[in-house]
Amino acid sequence: MSETVNKPFLSSDEKSHCCNGTSTSDSKSEECLETWKKELKLACNELMEVSATVTSAEGVYSNAFTWEAKLKKWFENAEATHEKASSAYAELALFIKAVETLETNTAYTSKALQALICLVKKILDEVFTLLYEGENLTESNLIHKLKEYIRCNDAIDEQKKQAALDCIAAYESKVRAVYDLQAGIMNKMLEILHCANIIAAAVGNAPLDCRDTETVTGKNLGLKWQLEDLRKRLIGGSTAEEKVQACQMDKKETTAIAPPCGAEIAKPAKPLLPIRKMEGKMDSHYYDNLGKLKEAAEAASINYKAEMQAAREKRDKVLARKTSLDAAIRAAEAAETAK
């Protein structure tokens, strides 16, 4: 194998340039070597400084990038929430219309059942007069009078009398059957009316007086009022302060949809939903400020990234100079040893 020949790291011209154009004598070479070592030490110190700057810049950029990503996600969630709120608002409006129709139907059903009960009650009263009337209930009722009239009428043939009395007897048995069922009939109809009133109240009932204990607890609030209140809350048009003001009015001044007093609906600091615009309203403070923060975070992330890249470039230059000096020193020392 051929012996490896140690070659100097720098050429004579490079050494001459490094040593300010001096000769390449041993003394001058030693001077150049010492100069390189001093420069290497300075380069090492400078590398430590620029490396620290790069580490700091990378940390700042990492934090800025993380913050930007969070704000971007929050903003996307706000956009998605707004779209869902808008969709829910549209569906709620359709639902309210259907509930309004249901409210009308349930109210009319309740009134119709009341009228029907009155009619049935009147019929049962008429049945009572057929069977029982006056102080002597066994002799002065209408059916009894009719039978007595037929029996005592000499102008009527006996055979016809019997036939008529048989017909009256059959009719009387049916009337008595109806009369015997009147309690069950009325109870069932009253139960039906009670259920109808419950449904009507659950659908359309609204509080009339905030000072009513039942009203304050919310037991008497109907579905329509709840949906209307939800619709107002979606567009930021219903707050606890407005409810309290309405509750402080006299009873005669309240309306059919007066909201209740009470803490069951907390006062929102800002309109809850939607996040963005609806029904001519401006953007909420949350959405507006979130957008501004996102834009600021994006700009900051770009600036910090540029600063990090500039710090890295400076570090790479110092590292390259330090590496070159280190290689040159080792090569020079190896050349001196080989002499």
Protein backbone atom coordinates (compact mmCIF):
# COMPACT_ATOMS: atom_id res chain seq x y z
CA MET A 1 0.00 0.00 0.00
CA SER A 2 1.23 3.46 -0.77
CA GLU A 3 1.84 5.72 2.14
CA THR A 4 -0.70 8.43 2.70
CA VAL A 5 0.73 11.85 2.00
CA ASN A 6 -0.47 14.60 4.34
CA LYS A 7 -1.41 17.63 2.31
CA PRO A 8 -1.96 21.05 3.84
CA PHE A 9 -5.60 22.11 4.19
CA LEU A 10 -4.86 25.54 2.65
CA SER A 11 -2.80 26.25 -0.42
CA SER A 12 0.16 28.60 -0.32
CA ASP A 13 -1.90 31.35 -1.85
CA GLU A 14 -4.65 30.83 0.78
CA LYS A 15 -2.09 30.91 3.54
CA SER A 16 -0.55 34.05 2.09
CA HIS A 17 -3.99 35.67 1.94
CA CYS A 18 -4.77 34.59 5.48
CA CYS A 19 -1.46 35.92 6.77
CA ASN A 20 -1.86 39.28 5.04
CA GLY A 21 0.42 38.47 2.16
CA THR A 22 3.45 37.47 4.26
CA SER A 23 5.87 34.70 3.33
CA THR A 24 5.18 31.06 4.07
CA SER A 25 8.13 30.56 6.40
CA ASP A 26 7.67 28.45 9.52
CA SER A 27 7.42 31.50 11.73
CA LYS A 28 4.72 33.02 9.56
CA SER A 29 2.87 29.69 9.38
CA GLU A 30 2.86 29.57 13.15
CA GLU A 31 1.51 33.09 13.22
CA CYS A 32 -1.29 32.08 10.81
CA LEU A 33 -2.08 29.04 12.93
CA GLU A 34 -2.36 31.18 16.02
CA THR A 35 -4.56 33.63 14.14
CA TRP A 36 -6.85 30.77 13.06
CA LYS A 37 -7.05 29.50 16.60
CA LYS A 38 -8.05 32.92 17.85
CA GLU A 39 -10.62 33.22 15.08
CA LEU A 40 -11.88 29.69 15.92
CA LYS A 41 -12.38 30.69 19.53
CA LEU A 42 -14.29 33.79 18.47
CA ALA A 43 -16.32 31.68 16.04
CA CYS A 44 -17.16 29.20 18.79
CA ASN A 45 -18.34 31.99 21.05
CA GLU A 46 -20.34 33.57 18.26
CA LEU A 47 -21.82 30.16 17.39
CA MET A 48 -23.01 29.73 20.96
CA GLU A 49 -24.68 33.14 20.83
CA VAL A 50 -26.37 32.62 17.47
CA SER A 51 -27.41 29.07 18.47
CA ALA A 52 -29.07 30.50 21.57
CA THR A 53 -30.79 33.08 19.38
CA VAL A 54 -31.98 30.32 17.04
CA THR A 55 -33.31 28.27 19.98
CA SER A 56 -35.17 31.29 21.29
CA ALA A 57 -36.54 32.16 17.85
CA GLU A 58 -37.66 28.56 17.30
CA GLY A 59 -39.44 28.56 20.67
CA VAL A 60 -41.18 31.85 19.93
CA TYR A 61 -42.24 30.64 16.49
CA SER A 62 -43.45 27.32 17.92
CA ASN A 63 -45.61 29.12 20.47
CA ALA A 64 -46.90 31.52 17.82
CA PHE A 65 -47.68 28.66 15.45
CA THR A 66 -49.52 26.75 18.22
CA TRP A 67 -51.52 29.85 19.16
CA GLU A 68 -52.36 30.48 15.51
CA ALA A 69 -53.54 26.87 15.11
CA LYS A 70 -55.76 27.16 18.19
CA LEU A 71 -57.32 30.43 17.03
CA LYS A 72 -57.85 29.00 13.57
CA LYS A 73 -59.63 25.98 15.07
CA TRP A 74 -61.71 28.18 17.35
CA PHE A 75 -62.67 30.38 14.43
CA GLU A 76 -63.61 27.34 12.34
CA ASN A 77 -65.70 26.05 15.26
CA ALA A 78 -67.36 29.47 15.55
CA GLU A 79 -68.21 29.38 11.84
CA ALA A 80 -69.59 25.84 12.12
CA THR A 81 -71.56 26.77 15.25
CA HIS A 82 -73.06 29.75 13.47
CA GLU A 83 -74.13 27.61 10.54
CA LYS A 84 -75.73 25.09 12.88
CA ALA A 85 -77.41 27.88 14.84
CA SER A 86 -78.78 29.37 11.63
CA SER A 87 -80.09 25.99 10.55
CA ALA A 88 -81.63 25.40 13.99
CA TYR A 89 -83.18 28.87 13.87
CA ALA A 90 -84.82 28.14 10.51
CA GLU A 91 -86.12 24.77 11.72
CA LEU A 92 -87.33 26.39 14.93
CA ALA A 93 -89.35 28.95 12.97
CA LEU A 94 -91.12 26.12 11.09
CA PHE A 95 -91.71 24.27 14.34
CA ILE A 96 -93.20 27.38 15.95
CA LYS A 97 -95.65 27.72 13.06
CA ALA A 98 -96.73 24.11 13.54
CA VAL A 99 -97.09 24.64 17.29
CA GLU A 100 -99.21 27.75 16.67
CA THR A 101 -101.57 25.65 14.58
CA LEU A 102 -101.59 22.98 17.26
CA GLU A 103 -102.26 25.64 19.90
CA THR A 104 -105.32 26.85 17.98
CA ASN A 105 -106.60 23.33 17.47
CA THR A 106 -106.15 22.31 21.10
CA ALA A 107 -107.87 25.49 22.32
CA TYR A 108 -110.83 24.93 20.01
CA THR A 109 -110.96 21.24 20.96
CA SER A 110 -111.20 22.19 24.63
CA LYS A 111 -114.01 24.64 23.91
CA ALA A 112 -115.82 22.09 21.74
CA LEU A 113 -115.61 19.50 24.50
CA GLN A 114 -117.02 22.01 26.98
CA ALA A 115 -119.95 22.66 24.65
CA LEU A 116 -120.44 18.92 24.15
CA ILE A 117 -120.49 18.32 27.90
CA CYS A 118 -123.09 21.05 28.30
CA LEU A 119 -125.19 19.45 25.59
CA VAL A 120 -124.93 15.99 27.14
CA LYS A 121 -125.74 17.47 30.53
CA LYS A 122 -128.85 19.07 29.04
CA ILE A 123 -129.87 15.75 27.48
CA LEU A 124 -129.40 13.95 30.78
CA ASP A 125 -131.48 16.63 32.49
CA GLU A 126 -134.24 15.95 29.98
CA VAL A 127 -133.91 12.24 30.69
CA PHE A 128 -134.32 13.02 34.38
CA THR A 129 -137.53 14.93 33.68
CA LEU A 130 -138.85 11.93 31.79
CA LEU A 131 -138.24 9.60 34.73
CA TYR A 132 -138.31 11.82 37.81
CA GLU A 133 -139.95 15.17 38.29
CA GLY A 134 -141.69 16.97 41.13
CA GLU A 135 -141.87 16.02 44.78
CA ASN A 136 -143.57 12.65 44.22
CA LEU A 137 -140.99 11.10 41.92
CA THR A 138 -142.97 7.91 41.29
CA GLU A 139 -146.19 9.52 40.14
CA SER A 140 -145.48 12.89 38.53
CA ASN A 141 -142.78 12.01 35.97
CA LEU A 142 -143.67 12.47 32.33
CA ILE A 143 -143.55 8.82 31.32
CA HIS A 144 -145.80 7.88 34.21
CA LYS A 145 -148.25 10.62 33.21
CA LEU A 146 -148.25 9.37 29.62
CA LYS A 147 -149.05 5.82 30.70
CA GLU A 148 -151.83 7.03 32.98
CA TYR A 149 -153.28 9.13 30.19
CA ILE A 150 -153.39 6.15 27.87
CA ARG A 151 -154.93 3.85 30.48
CA CYS A 152 -157.62 6.39 31.41
CA ASN A 153 -158.55 7.36 27.86
CA ASP A 154 -161.76 5.51 27.03
CA ALA A 155 -161.56 6.63 23.40
CA ILE A 156 -158.68 4.27 22.75
CA ASP A 157 -159.20 0.61 22.02
CA GLU A 158 -157.86 -1.75 24.70
CA GLN A 159 -155.74 -3.59 22.22
CA LYS A 160 -154.18 -0.36 21.02
CA LYS A 161 -153.73 0.77 24.62
CA GLN A 162 -151.75 -2.37 25.37
CA ALA A 163 -149.65 -1.99 22.27
CA ALA A 164 -148.91 1.64 23.16
CA LEU A 165 -148.09 0.72 26.76
CA ASP A 166 -145.73 -2.02 25.52
CA CYS A 167 -143.92 0.52 23.33
CA ILE A 168 -143.69 2.98 26.23
CA ALA A 169 -142.34 0.25 28.50
CA ALA A 170 -139.57 -0.56 26.00
CA TYR A 171 -138.75 3.11 25.62
CA GLU A 172 -138.75 3.60 29.40
CA SER A 173 -136.26 0.76 29.88
CA LYS A 174 -133.91 2.34 27.39
CA VAL A 175 -134.26 5.76 29.00
CA ARG A 176 -133.58 4.25 32.42
CA ALA A 177 -130.48 2.51 31.01
CA VAL A 178 -129.20 5.87 29.77
CA TYR A 179 -130.02 7.47 33.11
CA ASP A 180 -128.19 4.73 35.00
CA LEU A 181 -125.07 5.39 32.86
CA GLN A 182 -125.11 9.15 33.25
CA ALA A 183 -122.52 9.21 36.07
CA GLY A 184 -120.08 7.14 34.04
CA ILE A 185 -120.73 9.19 30.89
CA MET A 186 -120.19 12.53 32.63
CA ASN A 187 -117.08 11.32 34.46
CA LYS A 188 -115.52 10.07 31.24
CA MET A 189 -116.33 13.28 29.40
CA LEU A 190 -114.91 15.35 32.26
CA GLU A 191 -111.74 13.25 32.13
CA ILE A 192 -111.48 13.88 28.39
CA LEU A 193 -112.01 17.60 28.92
CA HIS A 194 -109.38 17.62 31.68
CA CYS A 195 -106.87 15.95 29.36
CA ALA A 196 -107.73 18.39 26.58
CA ASN A 197 -107.19 21.32 28.92
CA ILE A 198 -103.83 19.90 30.01
CA ILE A 199 -102.73 19.54 26.38
CA ALA A 200 -103.94 23.03 25.51
CA ALA A 201 -102.10 24.49 28.51
CA ALA A 202 -98.92 22.54 27.76
CA VAL A 203 -98.92 23.80 24.17
CA GLY A 204 -100.06 27.39 24.44
CA ASN A 205 -100.34 28.46 28.05
CA ALA A 206 -98.35 31.54 29.09
CA PRO A 207 -97.90 33.13 32.53
CA LEU A 208 -100.30 35.93 33.37
CA ASP A 209 -98.83 37.07 36.65
CA CYS A 210 -95.17 36.85 37.62
CA ARG A 211 -96.06 36.87 41.29
CA ASP A 212 -97.96 33.63 40.97
CA THR A 213 -95.94 30.86 42.62
CA GLU A 214 -96.90 28.34 39.99
CA THR A 215 -95.80 30.72 37.25
CA VAL A 216 -92.47 31.62 38.83
CA THR A 217 -91.46 27.99 39.01
CA GLY A 218 -92.26 27.64 35.33
CA LYS A 219 -94.87 24.88 35.72
CA ASN A 220 -97.46 26.76 33.68
CA LEU A 221 -95.21 27.79 30.78
CA GLY A 222 -96.51 26.35 27.52
CA LEU A 223 -94.51 24.93 24.63
CA LYS A 224 -95.23 27.88 22.36
CA TRP A 225 -93.93 30.41 24.90
CA GLN A 226 -90.81 28.33 25.51
CA LEU A 227 -90.11 28.12 21.77
CA GLU A 228 -90.66 31.84 21.30
CA ASP A 229 -88.30 32.57 24.18
CA LEU A 230 -85.70 30.22 22.66
CA ARG A 231 -86.05 31.99 19.30
CA LYS A 232 -85.45 35.36 20.98
CA ARG A 233 -82.44 33.98 22.85
CA LEU A 234 -80.96 32.67 19.61
CA ILE A 235 -80.91 36.19 18.19
CA GLY A 236 -79.94 37.80 21.50
CA GLY A 237 -83.30 39.48 21.96
CA SER A 238 -84.33 38.04 25.31
CA THR A 239 -82.48 38.74 28.56
CA ALA A 240 -83.21 38.33 32.22
CA GLU A 241 -83.37 42.12 32.62
CA GLU A 242 -86.21 42.34 30.09
CA LYS A 243 -88.04 39.57 31.93
CA VAL A 244 -87.74 41.32 35.28
CA GLN A 245 -89.03 44.56 33.78
CA ALA A 246 -92.02 42.74 32.32
CA CYS A 247 -92.65 41.02 35.63
CA GLN A 248 -92.74 44.31 37.51
CA MET A 249 -95.78 45.47 35.52
CA ASP A 250 -99.25 45.23 37.00
CA LYS A 251 -101.30 42.19 36.14
CA LYS A 252 -103.69 44.20 33.99
CA GLU A 253 -100.76 45.35 31.86
CA THR A 254 -99.30 41.91 31.22
CA THR A 255 -99.85 40.17 27.93
CA ALA A 256 -100.55 36.58 27.11
CA ILE A 257 -96.82 35.99 26.48
CA ALA A 258 -95.41 37.89 29.45
CA PRO A 259 -92.16 36.21 30.55
CA PRO A 260 -91.76 34.98 34.11
CA CYS A 261 -89.73 36.44 36.93
CA GLY A 262 -87.10 34.12 38.24
CA ALA A 263 -83.54 32.99 37.86
CA GLU A 264 -84.24 29.93 35.74
CA ILE A 265 -82.97 31.88 32.71
CA ALA A 266 -79.60 33.43 33.48
CA LYS A 267 -78.77 36.83 32.02
CA PRO A 268 -76.23 36.39 29.18
CA ALA A 269 -73.39 38.92 29.07
CA LYS A 270 -73.54 38.85 25.28
CA PRO A 271 -76.02 37.38 22.79
CA LEU A 272 -75.50 33.64 23.00
CA LEU A 273 -76.22 32.75 19.41
CA PRO A 274 -75.78 33.06 16.60
CA ILE A 275 -72.07 33.76 16.56
CA ARG A 276 -72.30 35.92 13.44
CA LYS A 277 -75.06 38.05 11.89
CA MET A 278 -78.77 37.28 11.89
CA GLU A 279 -81.84 39.47 11.40
CA GLY A 280 -79.70 42.54 10.71
CA LYS A 281 -77.63 42.28 13.89
CA MET A 282 -73.90 42.99 13.92
CA ASP A 283 -71.27 40.38 14.62
CA SER A 284 -70.98 39.42 18.25
CA HIS A 285 -67.99 40.67 20.22
CA TYR A 286 -66.74 37.11 20.52
CA TYR A 287 -66.79 36.45 16.78
CA ASP A 288 -65.41 39.88 15.88
CA ASN A 289 -62.55 39.75 18.39
CA LEU A 290 -61.78 36.14 17.55
CA GLY A 291 -61.35 37.09 13.90
CA LYS A 292 -59.02 39.95 14.81
CA LEU A 293 -56.97 37.70 17.09
CA LYS A 294 -56.69 35.11 14.33
CA GLU A 295 -55.44 37.68 11.82
CA ALA A 296 -52.93 39.05 14.33
CA ALA A 297 -51.73 35.53 15.14
CA GLU A 298 -51.26 34.74 11.45
CA ALA A 299 -49.21 37.91 10.92
CA ALA A 300 -47.14 37.24 14.04
CA SER A 301 -46.49 33.66 12.97
CA ILE A 302 -45.20 34.85 9.59
CA ASN A 303 -42.92 37.44 11.21
CA TYR A 304 -41.55 35.01 13.81
CA LYS A 305 -40.94 32.41 11.11
CA ALA A 306 -38.93 34.94 9.08
CA GLU A 307 -36.91 35.86 12.19
CA MET A 308 -36.26 32.18 12.89
CA GLN A 309 -35.09 31.55 9.33
CA ALA A 310 -32.80 34.60 9.44
CA ALA A 311 -31.32 33.37 12.74
CA ARG A 312 -30.78 29.92 11.27
CA GLU A 313 -29.02 31.35 8.21
CA LYS A 314 -26.71 33.40 10.44
CA ARG A 315 -26.00 30.34 12.58
CA ASP A 316 -25.24 28.25 9.48
CA LYS A 317 -22.73 30.85 8.25
CA VAL A 318 -20.97 31.00 11.63
CA LEU A 319 -21.01 27.18 11.81
CA ALA A 320 -19.51 26.94 8.33
CA ARG A 321 -16.76 29.41 9.25
CA LYS A 322 -16.07 27.59 12.51
CA THR A 323 -15.94 24.23 10.68
CA SER A 324 -13.55 25.61 8.07
CA LEU A 325 -11.26 27.09 10.70
CA ASP A 326 -11.30 23.88 12.69
CA ALA A 327 -10.42 21.85 9.60
CA ALA A 328 -7.69 24.29 8.60
CA ILE A 329 -6.11 24.18 12.08
CA ARG A 330 -6.16 20.39 12.18
CA ALA A 331 -4.67 20.21 8.70
CA ALA A 332 -1.95 22.73 9.58
CA GLU A 333 -1.10 20.93 12.78
CA ALA A 334 -0.95 17.62 10.91
CA ALA A 335 1.38 19.20 8.32
CA GLU A 336 3.67 20.53 11.06
CA THR A 337 3.80 17.12 12.68
CA ALA A 338 4.70 15.47 9.36
CA LYS A 339 7.77 17.67 8.85
